[in-house]
Structures are given as C-alpha cells and as structure tokens.
C-alpha cells in the first residue's frame, strides 16, 4: 500500500514532465511523456467544448498544470 507521501510524489511527477500529443478526439487527449514514455489519456470534462486537432496537433509539446495549485475564486 502506498503512503500519502508516495502518492504525492507520484502525482507531482506528472506535472514535472513534458508531453507530446499522440492523438486527439473530441472527448479525450492521449499524450506520452517525453522522459518517462508514460501514456496518459485525459478525458475532456466539458463536452460542450470539444478538443480539436487544431488546438492539440499530434506531436505538439505540452505541459500539465496541477489544478490543486490554482487560486480559489
């Protein structure tokens, strides 16, 4: 069983990496870590605003941001 510190370290590592877009569909984005090679699928939380290849062309380099660090409204 993973401890809280292990879980925090693992989730933090996600935000320390750069990713390349593998594929995009209206409701999901598949990306691959440049260093780790890990493949992640991100599900679009807002179906009214579809993801597009124009916004996320295959091969585009992106970074993820930690939503828990965003200022509260």
Protein backbone atom coordinates (compact mmCIF):
# COMPACT_ATOMS: atom_id res chain seq x y z
CA UNK A 1 0.00 0.00 0.00
CA UNK A 2 1.38 3.43 -0.99
CA UNK A 3 1.80 6.08 1.66
CA UNK A 4 0.48 9.62 1.24
CA UNK A 5 4.00 10.90 0.58
CA UNK A 6 4.47 8.26 -2.14
CA UNK A 7 1.17 9.25 -3.72
CA UNK A 8 2.02 12.98 -3.59
CA UNK A 9 5.44 12.35 -5.11
CA UNK A 10 3.93 10.24 -7.91
CA UNK A 11 1.18 12.74 -8.74
CA UNK A 12 3.67 15.60 -8.60
CA UNK A 13 5.90 13.84 -11.09
CA UNK A 14 3.07 14.04 -13.64
CA UNK A 15 3.33 17.83 -13.54
CA UNK A 16 7.13 17.85 -13.76
CA UNK A 17 7.18 16.20 -17.18
CA UNK A 18 6.64 17.48 -20.73
CA UNK A 19 4.30 15.52 -23.01
CA UNK A 20 3.77 15.09 -26.72
CA UNK A 21 0.27 14.80 -28.13
CA UNK A 22 -0.29 11.34 -29.61
CA UNK A 23 -3.91 11.68 -30.68
CA UNK A 24 -6.93 13.86 -30.01
CA UNK A 25 -10.63 13.16 -30.20
CA UNK A 26 -13.48 15.44 -29.20
CA UNK A 27 -13.66 13.96 -25.70
CA UNK A 28 -10.12 12.74 -24.98
CA UNK A 29 -6.48 13.61 -25.46
CA UNK A 30 -3.76 10.95 -25.49
CA UNK A 31 -0.28 12.16 -24.56
CA UNK A 32 3.12 10.49 -24.00
CA UNK A 33 5.77 11.62 -21.52
CA UNK A 34 8.98 12.77 -23.20
CA UNK A 35 11.26 11.36 -20.46
CA UNK A 36 9.15 8.57 -18.96
CA UNK A 37 7.34 7.33 -22.05
CA UNK A 38 4.18 7.01 -19.93
CA UNK A 39 0.98 7.31 -21.93
CA UNK A 40 -1.89 9.25 -20.36
CA UNK A 41 -5.45 9.69 -21.56
CA UNK A 42 -7.09 12.92 -20.49
CA UNK A 43 -10.88 12.96 -20.64
CA UNK A 44 -12.48 16.27 -21.57
CA UNK A 45 -14.57 17.43 -18.59
CA UNK A 46 -16.53 19.88 -20.76
CA UNK A 47 -18.35 18.08 -23.61
CA UNK A 48 -19.79 21.38 -24.87
CA UNK A 49 -16.24 22.43 -25.84
CA UNK A 50 -14.71 19.58 -27.85
CA UNK A 51 -10.96 19.09 -28.14
CA UNK A 52 -9.67 19.59 -31.69
CA UNK A 53 -6.54 18.66 -33.65
CA UNK A 54 -6.15 22.39 -34.39
CA UNK A 55 -5.73 23.03 -30.65
CA UNK A 56 -3.71 19.87 -29.95
CA UNK A 57 -1.94 18.76 -33.14
CA UNK A 58 -0.15 15.40 -32.93
CA UNK A 59 3.45 15.93 -31.88
CA UNK A 60 2.76 19.20 -30.04
CA UNK A 61 4.75 19.56 -26.83
CA UNK A 62 2.58 20.40 -23.79
CA UNK A 63 2.87 20.54 -20.01
CA UNK A 64 0.22 19.73 -17.45
CA UNK A 65 -0.62 22.04 -14.57
CA UNK A 66 -1.76 20.95 -11.13
CA UNK A 67 -5.33 22.23 -10.61
CA UNK A 68 -4.92 21.98 -6.84
CA UNK A 69 -2.38 24.83 -7.02
CA UNK A 70 -4.76 27.20 -8.82
CA UNK A 71 -6.03 30.15 -6.77
CA UNK A 72 -9.54 29.77 -5.42
CA UNK A 73 -12.24 32.10 -6.75
